[in-house]
Amino acid sequence: MTSAGAGAEAGAVSRPGPLARIGALARLEMGEVLRSRWLIFCAGLYAALAGLFLLVGLRESGVLGFTGMARVLLSLSHALVLLLPLLALTGTGLIVNRARRDGTLELLFSHPVTAGDYFAAVTLVRYAALVVPLLVFMPGLALLGRAVFGHAVPWVFLFRALSVSAALLWSFVGVGLAISVLVVEPAKAMMYLLLVWVLAVAFLDFGLVGLMLQWRLPPVAVFVLAGVNPVETARLALLSGAEPTLGTLGPVGFYLADRLGGRLLFTAGVIWPVAVGTVAWLVAGYRLRTRDLV
């Protein structure tokens, strides 16, 4: 064997594997998350919301035909449906473009790591920082309500709420990373992040009603617009778990409950946000690997 061949073989052997590279980058990213106290902020916000709804919501008054922990979890889930997209967008939308501008990417790519390794590590850390505190605080809230107030834990609804919330987080993590990769200027990226969040929140009931009144859209078009919005599908999935007839939505709710049913609404509320986030994430990963970042 020639010396050149032996050197190449030694270099190939000493090169760390993909999991080792992703793990090293994930540790670096987790250190950055801890230094910025972003993880503490997310956990504190979840805890504050959980405590607020626990103290205020456990009153013996009927809402949607039920009381106790089911009411608390439903109220908390409705707040999270609006809050989680904003947290996911602000937590991911400025990562890549800032790393590009401050030279972090150039420094990282001078080591034996690839753009795919970096993107996978950033995705894992940021998504985990968002979803893990949620997976801790929501069951913790339910168990605390049972221990302190003696209310039964609605485990089925809790599972639905966690599944929908995790899917919604993934949806906007993917969108945020796509904006971070595709938009070079951080200031412009922040504008796009806020625009995406406002559009997602605006295309709930009042936005769709405004469209119907202004342009007299057919009902089918309204349902399609509502279904395209991951926030709306997540909200319908949560409502269908609390009230299968969707009576709070009026005739629209009865129509959806009759035509689709609670199980299909829940499936759509999980699968569609995951699909949206996955497509955005794949587009971002492709552009990150193929364009000149440094």
C-alpha atoms as a PDB file:
ATOM      1  CA  MET A   1       0.000   0.000   0.000  1.00  0.00           C
ATOM      2  CA  THR A   2       1.366   3.431  -0.874  1.00  0.00           C
ATOM      3  CA  SER A   3       1.834   6.151   1.707  1.00  0.00           C
ATOM      4  CA  ALA A   4      -0.860   8.270   0.043  1.00  0.00           C
ATOM      5  CA  GLY A   5      -3.318   5.387   0.211  1.00  0.00           C
ATOM      6  CA  ALA A   6      -2.442   4.711   3.843  1.00  0.00           C
ATOM      7  CA  GLY A   7      -2.942   8.385   4.694  1.00  0.00           C
ATOM      8  CA  ALA A   8      -6.301   8.456   2.962  1.00  0.00           C
ATOM      9  CA  GLU A   9      -7.366   5.282   4.784  1.00  0.00           C
ATOM     10  CA  ALA A  10      -6.240   6.700   8.126  1.00  0.00           C
ATOM     11  CA  GLY A  11      -8.137   9.920   7.459  1.00  0.00           C
ATOM     12  CA  ALA A  12     -11.247   7.957   6.558  1.00  0.00           C
ATOM     13  CA  VAL A  13     -10.975   5.913   9.730  1.00  0.00           C
ATOM     14  CA  SER A  14     -10.372   8.924  11.983  1.00  0.00           C
ATOM     15  CA  ARG A  15     -13.240  10.918  10.514  1.00  0.00           C
ATOM     16  CA  PRO A  16     -16.142  10.844  12.994  1.00  0.00           C
ATOM     17  CA  GLY A  17     -19.422   9.331  11.930  1.00  0.00           C
ATOM     18  CA  PRO A  18     -22.605  11.316  11.244  1.00  0.00           C
ATOM     19  CA  LEU A  19     -24.081  10.667  14.687  1.00  0.00           C
ATOM     20  CA  ALA A  20     -20.899  11.789  16.396  1.00  0.00           C
ATOM     21  CA  ARG A  21     -20.763  14.961  14.305  1.00  0.00           C
ATOM     22  CA  ILE A  22     -24.425  15.758  14.915  1.00  0.00           C
ATOM     23  CA  GLY A  23     -23.992  15.068  18.628  1.00  0.00           C
ATOM     24  CA  ALA A  24     -21.034  17.435  18.882  1.00  0.00           C
ATOM     25  CA  LEU A  25     -22.893  20.182  17.032  1.00  0.00           C
ATOM     26  CA  ALA A  26     -25.982  19.572  19.159  1.00  0.00           C
ATOM     27  CA  ARG A  27     -23.938  20.076  22.317  1.00  0.00           C
ATOM     28  CA  LEU A  28     -22.637  23.361  20.937  1.00  0.00           C
ATOM     29  CA  GLU A  29     -26.145  24.477  20.036  1.00  0.00           C
ATOM     30  CA  MET A  30     -27.510  23.442  23.423  1.00  0.00           C
ATOM     31  CA  GLY A  31     -24.794  25.499  25.070  1.00  0.00           C
ATOM     32  CA  GLU A  32     -25.909  28.486  23.016  1.00  0.00           C
ATOM     33  CA  VAL A  33     -29.543  27.900  23.993  1.00  0.00           C
ATOM     34  CA  LEU A  34     -28.607  27.738  27.669  1.00  0.00           C
ATOM     35  CA  ARG A  35     -26.423  30.834  27.469  1.00  0.00           C
ATOM     36  CA  SER A  36     -29.203  32.817  25.830  1.00  0.00           C
ATOM     37  CA  ARG A  37     -31.661  31.604  28.511  1.00  0.00           C
ATOM     38  CA  TRP A  38     -34.145  30.860  25.729  1.00  0.00           C
ATOM     39  CA  LEU A  39     -34.896  27.419  27.207  1.00  0.00           C
ATOM     40  CA  ILE A  40     -35.496  28.969  30.626  1.00  0.00           C
ATOM     41  CA  PHE A  41     -37.813  31.501  29.031  1.00  0.00           C
ATOM     42  CA  CYS A  42     -39.888  28.793  27.299  1.00  0.00           C
ATOM     43  CA  ALA A  43     -40.088  26.675  30.443  1.00  0.00           C
ATOM     44  CA  GLY A  44     -41.015  29.687  32.560  1.00  0.00           C
ATOM     45  CA  LEU A  45     -43.695  30.746  30.111  1.00  0.00           C
ATOM     46  CA  TYR A  46     -45.232  27.265  30.054  1.00  0.00           C
ATOM     47  CA  ALA A  47     -45.137  27.135  33.860  1.00  0.00           C
ATOM     48  CA  ALA A  48     -46.740  30.574  34.197  1.00  0.00           C
ATOM     49  CA  LEU A  49     -49.551  29.676  31.803  1.00  0.00           C
ATOM     50  CA  ALA A  50     -50.106  26.332  33.507  1.00  0.00           C
ATOM     51  CA  GLY A  51     -50.276  27.928  36.946  1.00  0.00           C
ATOM     52  CA  LEU A  52     -52.584  30.689  35.744  1.00  0.00           C
ATOM     53  CA  PHE A  53     -55.083  28.324  34.154  1.00  0.00           C
ATOM     54  CA  LEU A  54     -54.868  25.962  37.109  1.00  0.00           C
ATOM     55  CA  LEU A  55     -55.746  28.687  39.594  1.00  0.00           C
ATOM     56  CA  VAL A  56     -58.354  30.456  37.504  1.00  0.00           C
ATOM     57  CA  GLY A  57     -59.882  27.558  35.607  1.00  0.00           C
ATOM     58  CA  LEU A  58     -60.742  25.117  38.401  1.00  0.00           C
ATOM     59  CA  ARG A  59     -64.064  26.652  39.309  1.00  0.00           C
ATOM     60  CA  GLU A  60     -67.255  24.698  39.323  1.00  0.00           C
ATOM     61  CA  SER A  61     -68.847  26.345  36.300  1.00  0.00           C
ATOM     62  CA  GLY A  62     -69.730  24.449  33.139  1.00  0.00           C
ATOM     63  CA  VAL A  63     -67.908  25.267  29.944  1.00  0.00           C
ATOM     64  CA  LEU A  64     -68.709  23.179  26.886  1.00  0.00           C
ATOM     65  CA  GLY A  65     -70.519  20.771  29.182  1.00  0.00           C
ATOM     66  CA  PHE A  66     -67.622  19.820  31.432  1.00  0.00           C
ATOM     67  CA  THR A  67     -65.644  21.169  34.383  1.00  0.00           C
ATOM     68  CA  GLY A  68     -62.409  20.581  36.254  1.00  0.00           C
ATOM     69  CA  MET A  69     -59.144  19.569  34.667  1.00  0.00           C
ATOM     70  CA  ALA A  70     -60.710  19.059  31.246  1.00  0.00           C
ATOM     71  CA  ARG A  71     -61.639  22.724  31.218  1.00  0.00           C
ATOM     72  CA  VAL A  72     -58.190  23.802  32.386  1.00  0.00           C
ATOM     73  CA  LEU A  73     -56.410  21.726  29.744  1.00  0.00           C
ATOM     74  CA  LEU A  74     -58.732  22.932  26.998  1.00  0.00           C
ATOM     75  CA  SER A  75     -58.212  26.586  27.961  1.00  0.00           C
ATOM     76  CA  LEU A  76     -54.463  26.078  28.162  1.00  0.00           C
ATOM     77  CA  SER A  77     -54.445  24.329  24.779  1.00  0.00           C
ATOM     78  CA  HIS A  78     -56.324  27.191  23.146  1.00  0.00           C
ATOM     79  CA  ALA A  79     -53.742  29.647  24.473  1.00  0.00           C
ATOM     80  CA  LEU A  80     -50.909  27.407  23.310  1.00  0.00           C
ATOM     81  CA  VAL A  81     -52.370  27.137  19.797  1.00  0.00           C
ATOM     82  CA  LEU A  82     -51.695  30.864  19.403  1.00  0.00           C
ATOM     83  CA  LEU A  83     -48.483  30.997  21.431  1.00  0.00           C
ATOM     84  CA  LEU A  84     -46.577  27.942  20.184  1.00  0.00           C
ATOM     85  CA  PRO A  85     -46.267  29.157  16.559  1.00  0.00           C
ATOM     86  CA  LEU A  86     -44.789  32.445  17.786  1.00  0.00           C
ATOM     87  CA  LEU A  87     -42.285  30.675  20.052  1.00  0.00           C
ATOM     88  CA  ALA A  88     -41.266  28.279  17.294  1.00  0.00           C
ATOM     89  CA  LEU A  89     -40.815  31.046  14.721  1.00  0.00           C
ATOM     90  CA  THR A  90     -38.810  33.362  16.970  1.00  0.00           C
ATOM     91  CA  GLY A  91     -36.712  30.462  18.246  1.00  0.00           C
ATOM     92  CA  THR A  92     -35.669  29.215  14.804  1.00  0.00           C
ATOM     93  CA  GLY A  93     -36.110  32.031  12.292  1.00  0.00           C
ATOM     94  CA  LEU A  94     -32.834  33.830  13.014  1.00  0.00           C
ATOM     95  CA  ILE A  95     -30.408  30.946  13.544  1.00  0.00           C
ATOM     96  CA  VAL A  96     -28.835  30.327  10.141  1.00  0.00           C
ATOM     97  CA  ASN A  97     -28.769  33.906   8.859  1.00  0.00           C
ATOM     98  CA  ARG A  98     -27.153  35.167  12.070  1.00  0.00           C
ATOM     99  CA  ALA A  99     -24.609  32.329  11.991  1.00  0.00           C
ATOM    100  CA  ARG A 100     -23.836  33.247   8.397  1.00  0.00           C
ATOM    101  CA  ARG A 101     -23.332  36.929   9.174  1.00  0.00           C
ATOM    102  CA  ASP A 102     -21.224  36.534  12.329  1.00  0.00           C
ATOM    103  CA  GLY A 103     -18.910  33.910  10.765  1.00  0.00           C
ATOM    104  CA  THR A 104     -20.080  30.942  12.827  1.00  0.00           C
ATOM    105  CA  LEU A 105     -20.848  28.853   9.754  1.00  0.00           C
ATOM    106  CA  GLU A 106     -17.453  29.560   8.243  1.00  0.00           C
ATOM    107  CA  LEU A 107     -15.788  28.451  11.472  1.00  0.00           C
ATOM    108  CA  LEU A 108     -17.897  25.304  11.784  1.00  0.00           C
ATOM    109  CA  PHE A 109     -17.431  24.251   8.169  1.00  0.00           C
ATOM    110  CA  SER A 110     -13.661  24.506   8.534  1.00  0.00           C
ATOM    111  CA  HIS A 111     -14.028  21.374  10.686  1.00  0.00           C
ATOM    112  CA  PRO A 112     -15.051  17.927   9.377  1.00  0.00           C
ATOM    113  CA  VAL A 113     -18.774  18.643   9.548  1.00  0.00           C
ATOM    114  CA  THR A 114     -21.316  19.144   6.786  1.00  0.00           C
ATOM    115  CA  ALA A 115     -24.198  21.514   6.300  1.00  0.00           C
ATOM    116  CA  GLY A 116     -26.573  18.591   6.787  1.00  0.00           C
ATOM    117  CA  ASP A 117     -24.966  17.780  10.155  1.00  0.00           C
ATOM    118  CA  TYR A 118     -25.352  21.371  11.298  1.00  0.00           C
ATOM    119  CA  PHE A 119     -28.944  21.600  10.135  1.00  0.00           C
ATOM    120  CA  ALA A 120     -29.930  18.330  11.830  1.00  0.00           C
ATOM    121  CA  ALA A 121     -28.284  19.376  15.122  1.00  0.00           C
ATOM    122  CA  VAL A 122     -29.959  22.793  15.127  1.00  0.00           C
ATOM    123  CA  THR A 123     -33.336  21.236  14.353  1.00  0.00           C
ATOM    124  CA  LEU A 124     -33.082  18.627  17.094  1.00  0.00           C
ATOM    125  CA  VAL A 125     -31.974  21.064  19.776  1.00  0.00           C
ATOM    126  CA  ARG A 126     -34.463  23.807  18.973  1.00  0.00           C
ATOM    127  CA  TYR A 127     -37.413  21.466  18.633  1.00  0.00           C
ATOM    128  CA  ALA A 128     -36.486  19.624  21.830  1.00  0.00           C
ATOM    129  CA  ALA A 129     -36.141  22.928  23.695  1.00  0.00           C
ATOM    130  CA  LEU A 130     -39.705  23.762  22.686  1.00  0.00           C
ATOM    131  CA  VAL A 131     -41.456  20.428  23.078  1.00  0.00           C
ATOM    132  CA  VAL A 132     -39.767  18.850  26.125  1.00  0.00           C
ATOM    133  CA  PRO A 133     -40.917  21.520  28.637  1.00  0.00           C
ATOM    134  CA  LEU A 134     -44.410  21.207  27.197  1.00  0.00           C
ATOM    135  CA  LEU A 135     -44.372  17.424  27.638  1.00  0.00           C
ATOM    136  CA  VAL A 136     -43.361  17.966  31.264  1.00  0.00           C
ATOM    137  CA  PHE A 137     -45.657  20.799  32.305  1.00  0.00           C
ATOM    138  CA  MET A 138     -48.971  19.666  30.826  1.00  0.00           C
ATOM    139  CA  PRO A 139     -48.993  16.226  32.512  1.00  0.00           C
ATOM    140  CA  GLY A 140     -47.537  17.883  35.608  1.00  0.00           C
ATOM    141  CA  LEU A 141     -50.422  20.350  35.599  1.00  0.00           C
ATOM    142  CA  ALA A 142     -52.960  17.530  35.331  1.00  0.00           C
ATOM    143  CA  LEU A 143     -51.343  15.550  38.160  1.00  0.00           C
ATOM    144  CA  LEU A 144     -51.105  18.668  40.334  1.00  0.00           C
ATOM    145  CA  GLY A 145     -54.797  19.355  39.823  1.00  0.00           C
ATOM    146  CA  ARG A 146     -55.569  15.794  40.850  1.00  0.00           C
ATOM    147  CA  ALA A 147     -53.367  15.946  43.946  1.00  0.00           C
ATOM    148  CA  VAL A 148     -54.432  19.392  45.152  1.00  0.00           C
ATOM    149  CA  PHE A 149     -58.030  19.735  43.962  1.00  0.00           C
ATOM    150  CA  GLY A 150     -59.027  16.096  43.583  1.00  0.00           C
ATOM    151  CA  HIS A 151     -60.020  16.380  39.909  1.00  0.00           C
ATOM    152  CA  ALA A 152     -59.718  13.366  37.651  1.00  0.00           C
ATOM    153  CA  VAL A 153     -57.122  13.551  34.894  1.00  0.00           C
ATOM    154  CA  PRO A 154     -58.615  13.423  31.362  1.00  0.00           C
ATOM    155  CA  TRP A 155     -55.836  11.280  29.937  1.00  0.00           C
ATOM    156  CA  VAL A 156     -57.394  10.936  26.486  1.00  0.00           C
ATOM    157  CA  PHE A 157     -57.741  14.671  25.999  1.00  0.00           C
ATOM    158  CA  LEU A 158     -54.274  15.223  27.468  1.00  0.00           C
ATOM    159  CA  PHE A 159     -52.795  12.858  24.871  1.00  0.00           C
ATOM    160  CA  ARG A 160     -54.676  14.645  22.088  1.00  0.00           C
ATOM    161  CA  ALA A 161     -53.535  18.053  23.315  1.00  0.00           C
ATOM    162  CA  LEU A 162     -49.888  16.983  23.547  1.00  0.00           C
ATOM    163  CA  SER A 163     -49.981  15.355  20.103  1.00  0.00           C
ATOM    164  CA  VAL A 164     -51.545  18.398  18.457  1.00  0.00           C
ATOM    165  CA  SER A 165     -49.194  20.811  20.243  1.00  0.00           C
ATOM    166  CA  ALA A 166     -46.098  18.805  19.250  1.00  0.00           C
ATOM    167  CA  ALA A 167     -47.291  18.668  15.632  1.00  0.00           C
ATOM    168  CA  LEU A 168     -47.991  22.409  15.609  1.00  0.00           C
ATOM    169  CA  LEU A 169     -44.537  23.128  17.013  1.00  0.00           C
ATOM    170  CA  TRP A 170     -42.911  21.015  14.305  1.00  0.00           C
ATOM    171  CA  SER A 171     -44.897  22.839  11.638  1.00  0.00           C
ATOM    172  CA  PHE A 172     -43.602  26.260  12.623  1.00  0.00           C
ATOM    173  CA  VAL A 173     -40.109  25.033  13.469  1.00  0.00           C
ATOM    174  CA  GLY A 174     -39.854  23.915   9.848  1.00  0.00           C
ATOM    175  CA  VAL A 175     -41.267  27.206   8.573  1.00  0.00           C
ATOM    176  CA  GLY A 176     -38.948  29.207  10.830  1.00  0.00           C
ATOM    177  CA  LEU A 177     -35.880  27.310   9.675  1.00  0.00           C
ATOM    178  CA  ALA A 178     -36.931  27.792   6.052  1.00  0.00           C
ATOM    179  CA  ILE A 179     -37.162  31.550   6.583  1.00  0.00           C
ATOM    180  CA  SER A 180     -33.811  31.534   8.363  1.00  0.00           C
ATOM    181  CA  VAL A 181     -32.136  29.779   5.431  1.00  0.00           C
ATOM    182  CA  LEU A 182     -33.888  31.559   2.563  1.00  0.00           C
ATOM    183  CA  VAL A 183     -33.810  35.124   3.953  1.00  0.00           C
ATOM    184  CA  VAL A 184     -30.293  36.449   4.398  1.00  0.00           C
ATOM    185  CA  GLU A 185     -30.960  39.652   6.360  1.00  0.00           C
ATOM    186  CA  PRO A 186     -32.002  38.996   9.999  1.00  0.00           C
ATOM    187  CA  ALA A 187     -34.144  42.142  10.117  1.00  0.00           C
ATOM    188  CA  LYS A 188     -36.043  41.118   6.994  1.00  0.00           C
ATOM    189  CA  ALA A 189     -36.352  37.575   8.336  1.00  0.00           C
ATOM    190  CA  MET A 190     -37.960  38.922  11.514  1.00  0.00           C
ATOM    191  CA  MET A 191     -40.517  40.774   9.416  1.00  0.00           C
ATOM    192  CA  TYR A 192     -41.380  37.570   7.559  1.00  0.00           C
ATOM    193  CA  LEU A 193     -41.648  35.655  10.838  1.00  0.00           C
ATOM    194  CA  LEU A 194     -44.125  38.132  12.270  1.00  0.00           C
ATOM    195  CA  LEU A 195     -46.055  38.173   8.991  1.00  0.00           C
ATOM    196  CA  VAL A 196     -46.365  34.380   8.987  1.00  0.00           C
ATOM    197  CA  TRP A 197     -47.584  34.367  12.578  1.00  0.00           C
ATOM    198  CA  VAL A 198     -50.092  37.163  12.001  1.00  0.00           C
ATOM    199  CA  LEU A 199     -51.470  35.425   8.914  1.00  0.00           C
ATOM    200  CA  ALA A 200     -51.732  32.104  10.745  1.00  0.00           C
ATOM    201  CA  VAL A 201     -53.589  33.711  13.629  1.00  0.00           C
ATOM    202  CA  ALA A 202     -55.681  36.026  11.449  1.00  0.00           C
ATOM    203  CA  PHE A 203     -57.003  33.159   9.343  1.00  0.00           C
ATOM    204  CA  LEU A 204     -59.008  31.839  12.229  1.00  0.00           C
ATOM    205  CA  ASP A 205     -62.716  32.450  12.540  1.00  0.00           C
ATOM    206  CA  PHE A 206     -62.786  36.233  12.258  1.00  0.00           C
ATOM    207  CA  GLY A 207     -60.501  36.298   9.229  1.00  0.00           C
ATOM    208  CA  LEU A 208     -62.548  33.713   7.377  1.00  0.00           C
ATOM    209  CA  VAL A 209     -65.801  35.471   8.253  1.00  0.00           C
ATOM    210  CA  GLY A 210     -64.343  38.699   6.883  1.00  0.00           C
ATOM    211  CA  LEU A 211     -63.446  36.982   3.624  1.00  0.00           C
ATOM    212  CA  MET A 212     -66.939  35.584   3.307  1.00  0.00           C
ATOM    213  CA  LEU A 213     -68.525  38.977   3.910  1.00  0.00           C
ATOM    214  CA  GLN A 214     -66.175  40.858   1.607  1.00  0.00           C
ATOM    215  CA  TRP A 215     -65.994  38.513  -1.388  1.00  0.00           C
ATOM    216  CA  ARG A 216     -68.895  36.117  -0.745  1.00  0.00           C
ATOM    217  CA  LEU A 217     -66.722  33.063  -1.105  1.00  0.00           C
ATOM    218  CA  PRO A 218     -68.440  29.683  -1.442  1.00  0.00           C
ATOM    219  CA  PRO A 219     -68.385  27.486   1.670  1.00  0.00           C
ATOM    220  CA  VAL A 220     -66.030  24.991   0.037  1.00  0.00           C
ATOM    221  CA  ALA A 221     -63.404  27.698  -0.520  1.00  0.00           C
ATOM    222  CA  VAL A 222     -63.715  28.801   3.100  1.00  0.00           C
ATOM    223  CA  PHE A 223     -63.205  25.255   4.352  1.00  0.00           C
ATOM    224  CA  VAL A 224     -60.155  24.845   2.110  1.00  0.00           C
ATOM    225  CA  LEU A 225     -58.623  28.090   3.389  1.00  0.00           C
ATOM    226  CA  ALA A 226     -59.274  27.005   6.953  1.00  0.00           C
ATOM    227  CA  GLY A 227     -57.760  23.587   6.344  1.00  0.00           C
ATOM    228  CA  VAL A 228     -54.583  25.016   4.799  1.00  0.00           C
ATOM    229  CA  ASN A 229     -53.799  26.872   8.032  1.00  0.00           C
ATOM    230  CA  PRO A 230     -52.088  24.474  10.497  1.00  0.00           C
ATOM    231  CA  VAL A 231     -53.292  26.593  13.421  1.00  0.00           C
ATOM    232  CA  GLU A 232     -56.914  26.139  12.367  1.00  0.00           C
ATOM    233  CA  THR A 233     -56.580  22.378  11.906  1.00  0.00           C
ATOM    234  CA  ALA A 234     -54.920  22.110  15.319  1.00  0.00           C
ATOM    235  CA  ARG A 235     -57.700  24.134  16.904  1.00  0.00           C
ATOM    236  CA  LEU A 236     -60.401  21.969  15.343  1.00  0.00           C
ATOM    237  CA  ALA A 237     -58.597  18.848  16.525  1.00  0.00           C
ATOM    238  CA  LEU A 238     -58.594  20.155  20.098  1.00  0.00           C
ATOM    239  CA  LEU A 239     -62.240  21.193  19.974  1.00  0.00           C
ATOM    240  CA  SER A 240     -63.287  17.833  18.562  1.00  0.00           C
ATOM    241  CA  GLY A 241     -61.629  16.133  21.519  1.00  0.00           C
ATOM    242  CA  ALA A 242     -63.485  18.306  24.027  1.00  0.00           C
ATOM    243  CA  GLU A 243     -66.851  18.408  22.276  1.00  0.00           C
ATOM    244  CA  PRO A 244     -67.374  15.841  19.479  1.00  0.00           C
ATOM    245  CA  THR A 245     -70.373  17.728  18.064  1.00  0.00           C
ATOM    246  CA  LEU A 246     -68.405  21.015  17.737  1.00  0.00           C
ATOM    247  CA  GLY A 247     -71.528  22.852  18.821  1.00  0.00           C
ATOM    248  CA  THR A 248     -69.572  25.951  19.818  1.00  0.00           C
ATOM    249  CA  LEU A 249     -68.839  26.602  16.139  1.00  0.00           C
ATOM    250  CA  GLY A 250     -72.519  26.632  15.228  1.00  0.00           C
ATOM    251  CA  PRO A 251     -73.693  25.165  11.903  1.00  0.00           C
ATOM    252  CA  VAL A 252     -70.105  24.951  10.657  1.00  0.00           C
ATOM    253  CA  GLY A 253     -69.182  22.790  13.619  1.00  0.00           C
ATOM    254  CA  PHE A 254     -72.138  20.468  13.135  1.00  0.00           C
ATOM    255  CA  TYR A 255     -71.261  20.177   9.445  1.00  0.00           C
ATOM    256  CA  LEU A 256     -67.649  19.244  10.196  1.00  0.00           C
ATOM    257  CA  ALA A 257     -68.625  16.828  12.934  1.00  0.00           C
ATOM    258  CA  ASP A 258     -71.164  15.129  10.677  1.00  0.00           C
ATOM    259  CA  ARG A 259     -68.999  14.963   7.538  1.00  0.00           C
ATOM    260  CA  LEU A 260     -65.581  14.326   9.054  1.00  0.00           C
ATOM    261  CA  GLY A 261     -66.001  13.205  12.651  1.00  0.00           C
ATOM    262  CA  GLY A 262     -63.762  13.748  15.653  1.00  0.00           C
ATOM    263  CA  ARG A 263     -61.257  11.046  14.753  1.00  0.00           C
ATOM    264  CA  LEU A 264     -60.592  12.424  11.274  1.00  0.00           C
ATOM    265  CA  LEU A 265     -60.362  15.981  12.598  1.00  0.00           C
ATOM    266  CA  PHE A 266     -57.784  14.850  15.152  1.00  0.00           C
ATOM    267  CA  THR A 267     -55.821  12.986  12.477  1.00  0.00           C
ATOM    268  CA  ALA A 268     -55.846  16.030  10.224  1.00  0.00           C
ATOM    269  CA  GLY A 269     -54.823  18.257  13.151  1.00  0.00           C
ATOM    270  CA  VAL A 270     -51.685  16.151  13.612  1.00  0.00           C
ATOM    271  CA  ILE A 271     -50.767  15.029  10.107  1.00  0.00           C
ATOM    272  CA  TRP A 272     -51.272  18.322   8.271  1.00  0.00           C
ATOM    273  CA  PRO A 273     -49.051  20.468  10.562  1.00  0.00           C
ATOM    274  CA  VAL A 274     -46.399  17.734  10.453  1.00  0.00           C
ATOM    275  CA  ALA A 275     -46.588  17.668   6.655  1.00  0.00           C
ATOM    276  CA  VAL A 276     -46.281  21.457   6.394  1.00  0.00           C
ATOM    277  CA  GLY A 277     -43.298  21.527   8.736  1.00  0.00           C
ATOM    278  CA  THR A 278     -41.603  18.610   6.989  1.00  0.00           C
ATOM    279  CA  VAL A 279     -41.916  20.164   3.534  1.00  0.00           C
ATOM    280  CA  ALA A 280     -40.560  23.498   4.786  1.00  0.00           C
ATOM    281  CA  TRP A 281     -37.730  21.709   6.618  1.00  0.00           C
ATOM    282  CA  LEU A 282     -36.754  19.708   3.535  1.00  0.00           C
ATOM    283  CA  VAL A 283     -36.703  22.850   1.388  1.00  0.00           C
ATOM    284  CA  ALA A 284     -34.543  24.621   3.970  1.00  0.00           C
ATOM    285  CA  GLY A 285     -32.156  21.681   4.257  1.00  0.00           C
ATOM    286  CA  TYR A 286     -31.785  21.436   0.485  1.00  0.00           C
ATOM    287  CA  ARG A 287     -31.019  25.151   0.118  1.00  0.00           C
ATOM    288  CA  LEU A 288     -28.584  25.024   3.015  1.00  0.00           C
ATOM    289  CA  ARG A 289     -26.632  22.179   1.389  1.00  0.00           C
ATOM    290  CA  THR A 290     -26.604  23.625  -2.131  1.00  0.00           C
ATOM    291  CA  ARG A 291     -26.082  27.355  -1.742  1.00  0.00           C
ATOM    292  CA  ASP A 292     -22.913  29.233  -0.817  1.00  0.00           C
ATOM    293  CA  LEU A 293     -23.376  30.259   2.796  1.00  0.00           C
ATOM    294  CA  VAL A 294     -19.984  31.644   3.658  1.00  0.00           C
END
